[in-house]
Amino acid sequence: MKLIKWLEKLFPRYSWIPLIFVAAMNFITYSVTLLLVSDSRRHYIHMEIDERIPFIPAFVFFYVASFVQWGLNWFFTARESERFLYRFAKADLIAKIPCLITFIVYPTIIQKPPMEVTDFFTFAMSVVWYFDKPVNCLPSVHALASWIALRAMFQMKKPAKIWKVLAVVFCAGCFAAVVFTKQHYLIDIPAGVLAAEIGLAVSKRLDDERFLWLRAG
């Protein structure tokens, strides 16, 4: 009971199911597709510009920090209002559909550059590479999630302005990090943003009031 009350203080009860669906869809989009697609089917899509982008391990900070950005975004989104939460939860779920399809129909992979662990950043980079396989590049789910988080933050009324500034910083940092850490190709970023905008556009067109009415029974 104490745990439930503590959770309700952080995340209103109406937000639990939508956030569970968001987390589940994220897991399915990335992890489940790993089981469905063999590495032999994956494509390298690097262009000349990708070869010109340097490998900078220090950007692993922004790559990992993006998870914090997403968590804070859903924390504030859940507390903004029920309707607001449902709108962006639907957008996130819808945006992941083209990603899921692409990861299965046209799976991609990226070649990691050679790296020697010599400091904190290269060590952190080696940990990321160990847990995050270099697959499912196009579109970038990192870019998608950070863009939706940015769009949501700028439509909220409750958070202080500093959170909006930080949302811009961490979104830009995420975009830079995915290419400087060689987790993604450059084209993966606009593809992720496009998927996010599709999700936002479709979600906006859906009848939110009818959705909440159906939810209420």
C-alpha atoms as a PDB file:
ATOM      1  CA  MET A   1       0.000   0.000   0.000  1.00  0.00           C
ATOM      2  CA  LYS A   2       2.802   2.415   0.844  1.00  0.00           C
ATOM      3  CA  LEU A   3       4.456   1.683  -2.481  1.00  0.00           C
ATOM      4  CA  ILE A   4       1.213   2.365  -4.363  1.00  0.00           C
ATOM      5  CA  LYS A   5       0.697   5.660  -2.527  1.00  0.00           C
ATOM      6  CA  TRP A   6       4.284   6.640  -3.266  1.00  0.00           C
ATOM      7  CA  LEU A   7       3.823   5.821  -6.953  1.00  0.00           C
ATOM      8  CA  GLU A   8       0.597   7.836  -7.077  1.00  0.00           C
ATOM      9  CA  LYS A   9       2.477  10.869  -5.775  1.00  0.00           C
ATOM     10  CA  LEU A  10       4.962  10.572  -8.627  1.00  0.00           C
ATOM     11  CA  PHE A  11       2.659   9.330 -11.383  1.00  0.00           C
ATOM     12  CA  PRO A  12      -1.141   9.759 -11.208  1.00  0.00           C
ATOM     13  CA  ARG A  13      -3.025   6.464 -11.362  1.00  0.00           C
ATOM     14  CA  TYR A  14      -4.522   7.322 -14.766  1.00  0.00           C
ATOM     15  CA  SER A  15      -0.993   7.391 -16.212  1.00  0.00           C
ATOM     16  CA  TRP A  16      -0.001   3.853 -15.252  1.00  0.00           C
ATOM     17  CA  ILE A  17      -1.560   1.928 -18.142  1.00  0.00           C
ATOM     18  CA  PRO A  18      -0.500   4.390 -20.877  1.00  0.00           C
ATOM     19  CA  LEU A  19       3.075   4.441 -19.576  1.00  0.00           C
ATOM     20  CA  ILE A  20       3.157   0.647 -19.391  1.00  0.00           C
ATOM     21  CA  PHE A  21       2.062   0.523 -23.037  1.00  0.00           C
ATOM     22  CA  VAL A  22       4.764   3.044 -23.991  1.00  0.00           C
ATOM     23  CA  ALA A  23       7.444   1.002 -22.213  1.00  0.00           C
ATOM     24  CA  ALA A  24       6.164  -2.257 -23.711  1.00  0.00           C
ATOM     25  CA  MET A  25       6.095  -0.822 -27.232  1.00  0.00           C
ATOM     26  CA  ASN A  26       9.634   0.444 -26.839  1.00  0.00           C
ATOM     27  CA  PHE A  27      10.778  -3.023 -25.742  1.00  0.00           C
ATOM     28  CA  ILE A  28       8.973  -4.711 -28.639  1.00  0.00           C
ATOM     29  CA  THR A  29      10.257  -2.225 -31.218  1.00  0.00           C
ATOM     30  CA  TYR A  30      13.893  -2.787 -30.358  1.00  0.00           C
ATOM     31  CA  SER A  31      14.386  -6.031 -28.462  1.00  0.00           C
ATOM     32  CA  VAL A  32      11.797  -8.333 -30.033  1.00  0.00           C
ATOM     33  CA  THR A  33      12.925  -7.429 -33.547  1.00  0.00           C
ATOM     34  CA  LEU A  34      16.385  -8.698 -32.622  1.00  0.00           C
ATOM     35  CA  LEU A  35      14.876 -12.170 -32.342  1.00  0.00           C
ATOM     36  CA  LEU A  36      12.985 -11.907 -35.626  1.00  0.00           C
ATOM     37  CA  VAL A  37      15.820 -10.696 -37.851  1.00  0.00           C
ATOM     38  CA  SER A  38      19.169 -12.390 -38.424  1.00  0.00           C
ATOM     39  CA  ASP A  39      22.320 -10.304 -38.872  1.00  0.00           C
ATOM     40  CA  SER A  40      22.765 -11.716 -42.386  1.00  0.00           C
ATOM     41  CA  ARG A  41      19.675  -9.775 -43.494  1.00  0.00           C
ATOM     42  CA  ARG A  42      20.877  -6.426 -42.181  1.00  0.00           C
ATOM     43  CA  HIS A  43      22.039  -3.602 -44.448  1.00  0.00           C
ATOM     44  CA  TYR A  44      24.901  -1.120 -44.178  1.00  0.00           C
ATOM     45  CA  ILE A  45      23.608   2.239 -45.409  1.00  0.00           C
ATOM     46  CA  HIS A  46      26.563   4.506 -44.691  1.00  0.00           C
ATOM     47  CA  MET A  47      27.236   7.428 -47.016  1.00  0.00           C
ATOM     48  CA  GLU A  48      30.354   9.513 -47.508  1.00  0.00           C
ATOM     49  CA  ILE A  49      29.185  12.044 -44.929  1.00  0.00           C
ATOM     50  CA  ASP A  50      28.984   9.295 -42.298  1.00  0.00           C
ATOM     51  CA  GLU A  51      32.630   8.469 -42.914  1.00  0.00           C
ATOM     52  CA  ARG A  52      33.549  12.121 -42.397  1.00  0.00           C
ATOM     53  CA  ILE A  53      31.829  12.338 -38.998  1.00  0.00           C
ATOM     54  CA  PRO A  54      34.453  11.720 -36.289  1.00  0.00           C
ATOM     55  CA  PHE A  55      34.101   9.235 -33.460  1.00  0.00           C
ATOM     56  CA  ILE A  56      33.974  11.208 -30.177  1.00  0.00           C
ATOM     57  CA  PRO A  57      33.478   8.927 -27.122  1.00  0.00           C
ATOM     58  CA  ALA A  58      32.752  11.912 -24.828  1.00  0.00           C
ATOM     59  CA  PHE A  59      29.326  12.232 -26.466  1.00  0.00           C
ATOM     60  CA  VAL A  60      28.342   9.035 -24.687  1.00  0.00           C
ATOM     61  CA  PHE A  61      27.277  11.420 -21.900  1.00  0.00           C
ATOM     62  CA  PHE A  62      24.436  12.800 -24.033  1.00  0.00           C
ATOM     63  CA  TYR A  63      23.608   9.350 -25.375  1.00  0.00           C
ATOM     64  CA  VAL A  64      23.010   8.034 -21.853  1.00  0.00           C
ATOM     65  CA  ALA A  65      21.498  11.317 -20.642  1.00  0.00           C
ATOM     66  CA  SER A  66      18.748  10.949 -23.227  1.00  0.00           C
ATOM     67  CA  PHE A  67      17.250   8.187 -21.069  1.00  0.00           C
ATOM     68  CA  VAL A  68      17.030  10.710 -18.230  1.00  0.00           C
ATOM     69  CA  GLN A  69      15.380  13.200 -20.584  1.00  0.00           C
ATOM     70  CA  TRP A  70      12.732  10.657 -21.566  1.00  0.00           C
ATOM     71  CA  GLY A  71      12.038   9.735 -17.949  1.00  0.00           C
ATOM     72  CA  LEU A  72      11.640  13.370 -16.922  1.00  0.00           C
ATOM     73  CA  ASN A  73       9.449  14.036 -19.939  1.00  0.00           C
ATOM     74  CA  TRP A  74       7.006  11.267 -19.064  1.00  0.00           C
ATOM     75  CA  PHE A  75       7.059  12.387 -15.418  1.00  0.00           C
ATOM     76  CA  PHE A  76       5.988  15.915 -16.385  1.00  0.00           C
ATOM     77  CA  THR A  77       3.645  14.715 -19.146  1.00  0.00           C
ATOM     78  CA  ALA A  78       1.807  12.412 -16.748  1.00  0.00           C
ATOM     79  CA  ARG A  79       1.324  15.228 -14.253  1.00  0.00           C
ATOM     80  CA  GLU A  80       0.218  17.822 -16.816  1.00  0.00           C
ATOM     81  CA  SER A  81      -3.244  16.309 -17.363  1.00  0.00           C
ATOM     82  CA  GLU A  82      -4.867  13.025 -18.327  1.00  0.00           C
ATOM     83  CA  ARG A  83      -5.811  14.214 -21.800  1.00  0.00           C
ATOM     84  CA  PHE A  84      -2.335  15.615 -22.428  1.00  0.00           C
ATOM     85  CA  LEU A  85      -0.732  12.340 -21.385  1.00  0.00           C
ATOM     86  CA  TYR A  86      -2.988  10.269 -23.629  1.00  0.00           C
ATOM     87  CA  ARG A  87      -2.267  12.515 -26.601  1.00  0.00           C
ATOM     88  CA  PHE A  88       1.491  12.067 -26.337  1.00  0.00           C
ATOM     89  CA  ALA A  89       1.335   8.423 -25.314  1.00  0.00           C
ATOM     90  CA  LYS A  90      -0.684   7.736 -28.463  1.00  0.00           C
ATOM     91  CA  ALA A  91       1.801   9.752 -30.512  1.00  0.00           C
ATOM     92  CA  ASP A  92       4.703   7.699 -29.146  1.00  0.00           C
ATOM     93  CA  LEU A  93       2.949   4.396 -29.813  1.00  0.00           C
ATOM     94  CA  ILE A  94       1.939   5.397 -33.342  1.00  0.00           C
ATOM     95  CA  ALA A  95       5.432   6.708 -34.139  1.00  0.00           C
ATOM     96  CA  LYS A  96       6.979   3.375 -33.173  1.00  0.00           C
ATOM     97  CA  ILE A  97       4.861   1.479 -35.748  1.00  0.00           C
ATOM     98  CA  PRO A  98       6.859   2.603 -38.846  1.00  0.00           C
ATOM     99  CA  CYS A  99      10.042   1.922 -36.860  1.00  0.00           C
ATOM    100  CA  LEU A 100       8.897  -1.585 -36.040  1.00  0.00           C
ATOM    101  CA  ILE A 101       7.980  -2.277 -39.660  1.00  0.00           C
ATOM    102  CA  THR A 102      11.278  -0.893 -40.958  1.00  0.00           C
ATOM    103  CA  PHE A 103      13.328  -2.868 -38.449  1.00  0.00           C
ATOM    104  CA  ILE A 104      11.752  -6.056 -39.818  1.00  0.00           C
ATOM    105  CA  VAL A 105      11.379  -5.264 -43.539  1.00  0.00           C
ATOM    106  CA  TYR A 106      14.622  -3.333 -44.051  1.00  0.00           C
ATOM    107  CA  PRO A 107      16.857  -4.022 -41.003  1.00  0.00           C
ATOM    108  CA  THR A 108      20.063  -2.032 -40.713  1.00  0.00           C
ATOM    109  CA  ILE A 109      23.390  -2.360 -38.942  1.00  0.00           C
ATOM    110  CA  ILE A 110      26.380  -0.038 -38.449  1.00  0.00           C
ATOM    111  CA  GLN A 111      30.077  -0.835 -38.298  1.00  0.00           C
ATOM    112  CA  LYS A 112      31.738   0.164 -35.032  1.00  0.00           C
ATOM    113  CA  PRO A 113      35.147   1.852 -35.251  1.00  0.00           C
ATOM    114  CA  PRO A 114      38.126   0.359 -33.400  1.00  0.00           C
ATOM    115  CA  MET A 115      38.406   1.681 -29.858  1.00  0.00           C
ATOM    116  CA  GLU A 116      40.852   1.192 -26.999  1.00  0.00           C
ATOM    117  CA  VAL A 117      39.576   1.757 -23.462  1.00  0.00           C
ATOM    118  CA  THR A 118      41.847   4.455 -22.037  1.00  0.00           C
ATOM    119  CA  ASP A 119      39.603   6.724 -19.939  1.00  0.00           C
ATOM    120  CA  PHE A 120      36.138   7.076 -18.427  1.00  0.00           C
ATOM    121  CA  PHE A 121      34.399   7.968 -21.698  1.00  0.00           C
ATOM    122  CA  THR A 122      35.856   5.089 -23.683  1.00  0.00           C
ATOM    123  CA  PHE A 123      34.961   2.750 -20.824  1.00  0.00           C
ATOM    124  CA  ALA A 124      31.393   4.083 -20.785  1.00  0.00           C
ATOM    125  CA  MET A 125      31.286   3.743 -24.563  1.00  0.00           C
ATOM    126  CA  SER A 126      32.384   0.111 -24.328  1.00  0.00           C
ATOM    127  CA  VAL A 127      29.548  -0.565 -21.868  1.00  0.00           C
ATOM    128  CA  VAL A 128      26.991   1.038 -24.202  1.00  0.00           C
ATOM    129  CA  TRP A 129      28.275  -0.977 -27.148  1.00  0.00           C
ATOM    130  CA  TYR A 130      28.082  -4.170 -25.082  1.00  0.00           C
ATOM    131  CA  PHE A 131      24.414  -3.731 -24.171  1.00  0.00           C
ATOM    132  CA  ASP A 132      23.198  -1.797 -27.235  1.00  0.00           C
ATOM    133  CA  LYS A 133      23.800  -3.848 -30.375  1.00  0.00           C
ATOM    134  CA  PRO A 134      24.620  -1.785 -33.519  1.00  0.00           C
ATOM    135  CA  VAL A 135      21.325  -2.674 -35.210  1.00  0.00           C
ATOM    136  CA  ASN A 136      17.891  -1.118 -35.824  1.00  0.00           C
ATOM    137  CA  CYS A 137      19.531   2.099 -36.940  1.00  0.00           C
ATOM    138  CA  LEU A 138      16.930   3.502 -39.346  1.00  0.00           C
ATOM    139  CA  PRO A 139      14.915   5.324 -38.027  1.00  0.00           C
ATOM    140  CA  SER A 140      16.672   6.391 -34.819  1.00  0.00           C
ATOM    141  CA  VAL A 141      14.407   5.630 -31.865  1.00  0.00           C
ATOM    142  CA  HIS A 142      16.713   7.832 -29.777  1.00  0.00           C
ATOM    143  CA  ALA A 143      15.990  10.800 -32.053  1.00  0.00           C
ATOM    144  CA  LEU A 144      12.283   9.938 -32.160  1.00  0.00           C
ATOM    145  CA  ALA A 145      11.906   9.791 -28.380  1.00  0.00           C
ATOM    146  CA  SER A 146      13.946  12.941 -27.740  1.00  0.00           C
ATOM    147  CA  TRP A 147      11.977  14.884 -30.353  1.00  0.00           C
ATOM    148  CA  ILE A 148       8.624  13.846 -28.877  1.00  0.00           C
ATOM    149  CA  ALA A 149       9.951  14.774 -25.426  1.00  0.00           C
ATOM    150  CA  LEU A 150      10.961  18.202 -26.740  1.00  0.00           C
ATOM    151  CA  ARG A 151       7.607  18.788 -28.438  1.00  0.00           C
ATOM    152  CA  ALA A 152       5.722  17.731 -25.320  1.00  0.00           C
ATOM    153  CA  MET A 153       7.796  19.950 -23.033  1.00  0.00           C
ATOM    154  CA  PHE A 154       7.063  23.051 -25.097  1.00  0.00           C
ATOM    155  CA  GLN A 155       3.327  22.408 -24.915  1.00  0.00           C
ATOM    156  CA  MET A 156       3.278  21.967 -21.140  1.00  0.00           C
ATOM    157  CA  LYS A 157       2.238  24.762 -18.797  1.00  0.00           C
ATOM    158  CA  LYS A 158       3.371  23.420 -15.416  1.00  0.00           C
ATOM    159  CA  PRO A 159       7.159  22.841 -15.658  1.00  0.00           C
ATOM    160  CA  ALA A 160       9.523  25.777 -15.059  1.00  0.00           C
ATOM    161  CA  LYS A 161      11.214  27.342 -18.090  1.00  0.00           C
ATOM    162  CA  ILE A 162      14.547  25.793 -17.137  1.00  0.00           C
ATOM    163  CA  TRP A 163      13.136  22.381 -18.073  1.00  0.00           C
ATOM    164  CA  LYS A 164      12.311  23.643 -21.550  1.00  0.00           C
ATOM    165  CA  VAL A 165      15.865  24.935 -21.957  1.00  0.00           C
ATOM    166  CA  LEU A 166      17.262  21.612 -20.783  1.00  0.00           C
ATOM    167  CA  ALA A 167      14.936  19.783 -23.201  1.00  0.00           C
ATOM    168  CA  VAL A 168      16.499  21.707 -26.109  1.00  0.00           C
ATOM    169  CA  VAL A 169      20.030  21.053 -24.850  1.00  0.00           C
ATOM    170  CA  PHE A 170      19.502  17.339 -24.342  1.00  0.00           C
ATOM    171  CA  CYS A 171      17.590  16.860 -27.591  1.00  0.00           C
ATOM    172  CA  ALA A 172      20.391  18.539 -29.548  1.00  0.00           C
ATOM    173  CA  GLY A 173      22.921  16.556 -27.532  1.00  0.00           C
ATOM    174  CA  CYS A 174      21.098  13.325 -28.333  1.00  0.00           C
ATOM    175  CA  PHE A 175      21.080  14.080 -32.072  1.00  0.00           C
ATOM    176  CA  ALA A 176      24.812  14.767 -31.976  1.00  0.00           C
ATOM    177  CA  ALA A 177      25.551  11.783 -29.752  1.00  0.00           C
ATOM    178  CA  VAL A 178      23.945   9.138 -31.935  1.00  0.00           C
ATOM    179  CA  VAL A 179      26.323   9.947 -34.795  1.00  0.00           C
ATOM    180  CA  PHE A 180      29.442  10.909 -32.829  1.00  0.00           C
ATOM    181  CA  THR A 181      29.266   7.651 -30.862  1.00  0.00           C
ATOM    182  CA  LYS A 182      28.692   5.733 -34.109  1.00  0.00           C
ATOM    183  CA  GLN A 183      25.380   4.339 -32.947  1.00  0.00           C
ATOM    184  CA  HIS A 184      23.541   5.661 -36.004  1.00  0.00           C
ATOM    185  CA  TYR A 185      23.937   6.974 -39.511  1.00  0.00           C
ATOM    186  CA  LEU A 186      23.188  10.651 -40.105  1.00  0.00           C
ATOM    187  CA  ILE A 187      20.026   9.840 -42.090  1.00  0.00           C
ATOM    188  CA  ASP A 188      18.619   8.003 -39.077  1.00  0.00           C
ATOM    189  CA  ILE A 189      18.031  11.306 -37.266  1.00  0.00           C
ATOM    190  CA  PRO A 190      15.601  12.970 -39.736  1.00  0.00           C
ATOM    191  CA  ALA A 191      13.956   9.572 -40.206  1.00  0.00           C
ATOM    192  CA  GLY A 192      13.340   9.392 -36.450  1.00  0.00           C
ATOM    193  CA  VAL A 193      12.000  12.956 -36.367  1.00  0.00           C
ATOM    194  CA  LEU A 194       9.697  12.168 -39.317  1.00  0.00           C
ATOM    195  CA  ALA A 195       8.323   9.107 -37.516  1.00  0.00           C
ATOM    196  CA  ALA A 196       7.738  11.256 -34.419  1.00  0.00           C
ATOM    197  CA  GLU A 197       5.914  13.921 -36.433  1.00  0.00           C
ATOM    198  CA  ILE A 198       3.721  11.280 -38.059  1.00  0.00           C
ATOM    199  CA  GLY A 199       2.811   9.987 -34.610  1.00  0.00           C
ATOM    200  CA  LEU A 200       2.069  13.492 -33.340  1.00  0.00           C
ATOM    201  CA  ALA A 201      -0.031  14.374 -36.391  1.00  0.00           C
ATOM    202  CA  VAL A 202      -2.114  11.194 -36.263  1.00  0.00           C
ATOM    203  CA  SER A 203      -2.586  11.449 -32.513  1.00  0.00           C
ATOM    204  CA  LYS A 204      -3.778  15.041 -32.846  1.00  0.00           C
ATOM    205  CA  ARG A 205      -6.411  14.017 -35.378  1.00  0.00           C
ATOM    206  CA  LEU A 206      -7.817  11.320 -33.127  1.00  0.00           C
ATOM    207  CA  ASP A 207     -10.756  12.323 -30.968  1.00  0.00           C
ATOM    208  CA  ASP A 208      -9.256  12.663 -27.468  1.00  0.00           C
ATOM    209  CA  GLU A 209     -12.606  13.315 -25.785  1.00  0.00           C
ATOM    210  CA  ARG A 210     -14.132  10.214 -27.340  1.00  0.00           C
ATOM    211  CA  PHE A 211     -11.037   8.247 -26.324  1.00  0.00           C
ATOM    212  CA  LEU A 212     -11.396   9.293 -22.676  1.00  0.00           C
ATOM    213  CA  TRP A 213     -15.151   8.652 -22.794  1.00  0.00           C
ATOM    214  CA  LEU A 214     -14.566   5.096 -24.038  1.00  0.00           C
ATOM    215  CA  ARG A 215     -11.905   4.603 -21.372  1.00  0.00           C
ATOM    216  CA  ALA A 216     -14.409   5.656 -18.693  1.00  0.00           C
ATOM    217  CA  GLY A 217     -16.727   2.865 -19.828  1.00  0.00           C
END
